[in-house]
């Protein structure tokens, strides 16, 4: 993927780990083609763990991705709260979640990045106010 830094949302994480997820095969295919590590934020991990709470070994599977250094957290909400708040307010009509705001902000901070997501709202979001965010997303 042209050495792009992959920023990952909760949807692909959950789909990859949960064989009964509708997008499991898509996520599995993406993970096999993309080069780790994948970057994310605490909000995405929290969301992923919540979504996997009723899946056997769901939480352990997510935490194992960290242990294997396949996913790394490269974001400090404490330092970016003003920027994320601005984004959430801008997209309040969608509405934008905290996790989505953090990922958009990460895309602004990480040059040569691409967001892997299942969330079509990312087609609407813009980084740096006007730039389309490069995405890996199902058709």
C-alpha atoms as a PDB file:
ATOM      1  CA  UNK A   1       0.000   0.000   0.000  1.00  0.00           C
ATOM      2  CA  UNK A   2       2.731   2.483  -1.011  1.00  0.00           C
ATOM      3  CA  UNK A   3       4.229   2.564   2.517  1.00  0.00           C
ATOM      4  CA  UNK A   4       1.202   4.451   3.793  1.00  0.00           C
ATOM      5  CA  UNK A   5       0.689   4.536   7.532  1.00  0.00           C
ATOM      6  CA  UNK A   6      -2.587   2.744   8.215  1.00  0.00           C
ATOM      7  CA  UNK A   7      -4.847   4.308  10.833  1.00  0.00           C
ATOM      8  CA  UNK A   8      -7.410   1.723  11.919  1.00  0.00           C
ATOM      9  CA  UNK A   9     -10.968   2.145  13.141  1.00  0.00           C
ATOM     10  CA  UNK A  10     -12.881  -0.266  15.390  1.00  0.00           C
ATOM     11  CA  UNK A  11     -14.989  -1.764  12.567  1.00  0.00           C
ATOM     12  CA  UNK A  12     -12.139  -3.548  10.782  1.00  0.00           C
ATOM     13  CA  UNK A  13     -10.623  -4.698  14.093  1.00  0.00           C
ATOM     14  CA  UNK A  14     -13.906  -6.264  15.212  1.00  0.00           C
ATOM     15  CA  UNK A  15     -14.637  -7.714  11.762  1.00  0.00           C
ATOM     16  CA  UNK A  16     -11.182  -9.274  11.555  1.00  0.00           C
ATOM     17  CA  UNK A  17     -11.461 -10.936  14.956  1.00  0.00           C
ATOM     18  CA  UNK A  18     -15.130 -11.965  14.793  1.00  0.00           C
ATOM     19  CA  UNK A  19     -15.700 -14.692  12.205  1.00  0.00           C
ATOM     20  CA  UNK A  20     -19.460 -14.115  12.310  1.00  0.00           C
ATOM     21  CA  UNK A  21     -19.129 -10.424  11.395  1.00  0.00           C
ATOM     22  CA  UNK A  22     -20.569  -9.513   7.978  1.00  0.00           C
ATOM     23  CA  UNK A  23     -17.259  -7.874   6.941  1.00  0.00           C
ATOM     24  CA  UNK A  24     -14.971 -10.620   8.315  1.00  0.00           C
ATOM     25  CA  UNK A  25     -13.695 -11.803   4.933  1.00  0.00           C
ATOM     26  CA  UNK A  26     -13.133  -8.236   3.742  1.00  0.00           C
ATOM     27  CA  UNK A  27     -11.201  -7.368   6.922  1.00  0.00           C
ATOM     28  CA  UNK A  28      -9.174 -10.581   6.764  1.00  0.00           C
ATOM     29  CA  UNK A  29      -8.230  -9.780   3.169  1.00  0.00           C
ATOM     30  CA  UNK A  30      -7.227  -6.209   4.067  1.00  0.00           C
ATOM     31  CA  UNK A  31      -5.108  -7.315   7.026  1.00  0.00           C
ATOM     32  CA  UNK A  32      -3.295  -9.820   4.811  1.00  0.00           C
ATOM     33  CA  UNK A  33      -2.367  -7.071   2.318  1.00  0.00           C
ATOM     34  CA  UNK A  34      -1.517  -4.230   4.677  1.00  0.00           C
ATOM     35  CA  UNK A  35       1.775  -3.839   6.471  1.00  0.00           C
ATOM     36  CA  UNK A  36       1.591  -3.448  10.260  1.00  0.00           C
ATOM     37  CA  UNK A  37       1.835  -1.728  12.600  1.00  0.00           C
ATOM     38  CA  UNK A  38      -1.583  -0.097  12.391  1.00  0.00           C
ATOM     39  CA  UNK A  39      -2.132   3.096  14.348  1.00  0.00           C
ATOM     40  CA  UNK A  40      -5.150   4.017  16.422  1.00  0.00           C
ATOM     41  CA  UNK A  41      -6.342   5.807  19.553  1.00  0.00           C
ATOM     42  CA  UNK A  42      -7.673   4.773  22.956  1.00  0.00           C
ATOM     43  CA  UNK A  43     -11.273   5.557  21.956  1.00  0.00           C
ATOM     44  CA  UNK A  44     -11.129   3.011  19.129  1.00  0.00           C
ATOM     45  CA  UNK A  45      -9.736   0.359  21.471  1.00  0.00           C
ATOM     46  CA  UNK A  46     -12.448   1.075  24.033  1.00  0.00           C
ATOM     47  CA  UNK A  47     -15.110   0.871  21.317  1.00  0.00           C
ATOM     48  CA  UNK A  48     -13.635  -2.368  19.948  1.00  0.00           C
ATOM     49  CA  UNK A  49     -13.520  -4.027  23.367  1.00  0.00           C
ATOM     50  CA  UNK A  50     -17.127  -2.999  24.002  1.00  0.00           C
ATOM     51  CA  UNK A  51     -18.234  -4.471  20.659  1.00  0.00           C
ATOM     52  CA  UNK A  52     -16.338  -7.711  21.348  1.00  0.00           C
ATOM     53  CA  UNK A  53     -17.496  -8.164  24.957  1.00  0.00           C
ATOM     54  CA  UNK A  54     -19.923 -10.970  24.060  1.00  0.00           C
ATOM     55  CA  UNK A  55     -17.524 -12.749  21.710  1.00  0.00           C
ATOM     56  CA  UNK A  56     -15.498 -15.557  23.253  1.00  0.00           C
ATOM     57  CA  UNK A  57     -11.964 -14.286  23.958  1.00  0.00           C
ATOM     58  CA  UNK A  58     -12.924 -10.976  22.305  1.00  0.00           C
ATOM     59  CA  UNK A  59     -11.135  -8.673  24.729  1.00  0.00           C
ATOM     60  CA  UNK A  60      -8.084 -10.936  24.910  1.00  0.00           C
ATOM     61  CA  UNK A  61      -7.882 -11.029  21.110  1.00  0.00           C
ATOM     62  CA  UNK A  62      -7.840  -7.239  20.908  1.00  0.00           C
ATOM     63  CA  UNK A  63      -5.224  -6.913  23.645  1.00  0.00           C
ATOM     64  CA  UNK A  64      -3.112  -9.565  21.916  1.00  0.00           C
ATOM     65  CA  UNK A  65      -2.882  -7.301  18.855  1.00  0.00           C
ATOM     66  CA  UNK A  66      -0.987  -4.869  21.109  1.00  0.00           C
ATOM     67  CA  UNK A  67       1.200  -7.576  22.573  1.00  0.00           C
ATOM     68  CA  UNK A  68       2.223  -8.562  19.066  1.00  0.00           C
ATOM     69  CA  UNK A  69       2.718  -4.861  18.215  1.00  0.00           C
ATOM     70  CA  UNK A  70       0.315  -5.094  15.278  1.00  0.00           C
ATOM     71  CA  UNK A  71      -1.578  -2.090  16.638  1.00  0.00           C
ATOM     72  CA  UNK A  72       0.030   0.929  18.274  1.00  0.00           C
ATOM     73  CA  UNK A  73      -1.537   3.932  19.934  1.00  0.00           C
ATOM     74  CA  UNK A  74      -0.076   7.143  18.521  1.00  0.00           C
ATOM     75  CA  UNK A  75      -2.452   9.725  19.900  1.00  0.00           C
ATOM     76  CA  UNK A  76      -2.922  11.674  23.113  1.00  0.00           C
ATOM     77  CA  UNK A  77      -6.415  13.073  23.461  1.00  0.00           C
ATOM     78  CA  UNK A  78      -5.187  15.265  26.312  1.00  0.00           C
ATOM     79  CA  UNK A  79      -2.977  17.135  23.832  1.00  0.00           C
ATOM     80  CA  UNK A  80      -5.550  17.211  21.016  1.00  0.00           C
ATOM     81  CA  UNK A  81      -8.808  17.909  22.831  1.00  0.00           C
ATOM     82  CA  UNK A  82      -9.255  21.369  21.309  1.00  0.00           C
ATOM     83  CA  UNK A  83      -8.811  20.114  17.744  1.00  0.00           C
ATOM     84  CA  UNK A  84     -11.027  17.053  18.303  1.00  0.00           C
ATOM     85  CA  UNK A  85     -13.724  19.198  19.929  1.00  0.00           C
ATOM     86  CA  UNK A  86     -13.677  21.513  16.904  1.00  0.00           C
ATOM     87  CA  UNK A  87     -14.140  18.521  14.580  1.00  0.00           C
ATOM     88  CA  UNK A  88     -16.982  17.059  16.665  1.00  0.00           C
ATOM     89  CA  UNK A  89     -18.779  20.407  16.652  1.00  0.00           C
ATOM     90  CA  UNK A  90     -18.245  20.818  12.901  1.00  0.00           C
ATOM     91  CA  UNK A  91     -19.797  17.418  12.184  1.00  0.00           C
ATOM     92  CA  UNK A  92     -22.480  17.516  14.899  1.00  0.00           C
ATOM     93  CA  UNK A  93     -25.163  16.931  12.251  1.00  0.00           C
ATOM     94  CA  UNK A  94     -23.740  13.472  11.401  1.00  0.00           C
ATOM     95  CA  UNK A  95     -22.875  13.169  14.483  1.00  0.00           C
ATOM     96  CA  UNK A  96     -19.144  12.487  14.819  1.00  0.00           C
ATOM     97  CA  UNK A  97     -18.080  10.166  17.640  1.00  0.00           C
ATOM     98  CA  UNK A  98     -15.057  10.832  19.818  1.00  0.00           C
ATOM     99  CA  UNK A  99     -13.241   7.926  18.148  1.00  0.00           C
ATOM    100  CA  UNK A 100     -13.971   9.317  14.668  1.00  0.00           C
ATOM    101  CA  UNK A 101     -12.765  12.768  15.716  1.00  0.00           C
ATOM    102  CA  UNK A 102      -9.535  11.286  17.023  1.00  0.00           C
ATOM    103  CA  UNK A 103      -8.939   9.329  13.803  1.00  0.00           C
ATOM    104  CA  UNK A 104      -9.547  12.385  11.622  1.00  0.00           C
ATOM    105  CA  UNK A 105      -7.116  14.343  13.791  1.00  0.00           C
ATOM    106  CA  UNK A 106      -4.579  11.518  13.497  1.00  0.00           C
ATOM    107  CA  UNK A 107      -4.899  11.677   9.712  1.00  0.00           C
ATOM    108  CA  UNK A 108      -4.031  15.375   9.909  1.00  0.00           C
ATOM    109  CA  UNK A 109      -0.964  14.660  12.035  1.00  0.00           C
ATOM    110  CA  UNK A 110       0.402  11.622  10.206  1.00  0.00           C
ATOM    111  CA  UNK A 111       1.662  12.366   6.748  1.00  0.00           C
ATOM    112  CA  UNK A 112       1.130   9.670   4.130  1.00  0.00           C
ATOM    113  CA  UNK A 113      -1.646   8.026   6.134  1.00  0.00           C
ATOM    114  CA  UNK A 114      -4.824   6.217   5.174  1.00  0.00           C
ATOM    115  CA  UNK A 115      -7.784   5.273   7.387  1.00  0.00           C
ATOM    116  CA  UNK A 116      -9.098   1.705   7.320  1.00  0.00           C
ATOM    117  CA  UNK A 117     -12.761   1.790   8.335  1.00  0.00           C
ATOM    118  CA  UNK A 118     -16.227   0.388   7.725  1.00  0.00           C
ATOM    119  CA  UNK A 119     -17.823   3.738   8.584  1.00  0.00           C
ATOM    120  CA  UNK A 120     -19.152   5.599   5.534  1.00  0.00           C
ATOM    121  CA  UNK A 121     -19.168   8.868   7.520  1.00  0.00           C
ATOM    122  CA  UNK A 122     -15.448   9.079   6.755  1.00  0.00           C
ATOM    123  CA  UNK A 123     -16.415   9.822   3.141  1.00  0.00           C
ATOM    124  CA  UNK A 124     -17.948  13.067   4.451  1.00  0.00           C
ATOM    125  CA  UNK A 125     -15.251  14.041   6.954  1.00  0.00           C
ATOM    126  CA  UNK A 126     -12.403  16.256   5.789  1.00  0.00           C
ATOM    127  CA  UNK A 127      -8.941  16.753   7.206  1.00  0.00           C
ATOM    128  CA  UNK A 128      -7.421  20.211   7.398  1.00  0.00           C
ATOM    129  CA  UNK A 129     -10.943  21.540   6.711  1.00  0.00           C
ATOM    130  CA  UNK A 130     -11.099  20.623   2.998  1.00  0.00           C
ATOM    131  CA  UNK A 131      -8.908  17.658   2.117  1.00  0.00           C
ATOM    132  CA  UNK A 132     -10.461  14.285   1.360  1.00  0.00           C
ATOM    133  CA  UNK A 133      -9.202  11.616   3.720  1.00  0.00           C
ATOM    134  CA  UNK A 134      -7.702   8.596   1.929  1.00  0.00           C
ATOM    135  CA  UNK A 135      -9.681   5.497   2.918  1.00  0.00           C
ATOM    136  CA  UNK A 136      -9.644   1.748   2.805  1.00  0.00           C
ATOM    137  CA  UNK A 137     -13.348   0.975   2.970  1.00  0.00           C
ATOM    138  CA  UNK A 138     -15.650  -1.675   1.474  1.00  0.00           C
ATOM    139  CA  UNK A 139     -17.309  -0.647  -1.791  1.00  0.00           C
END
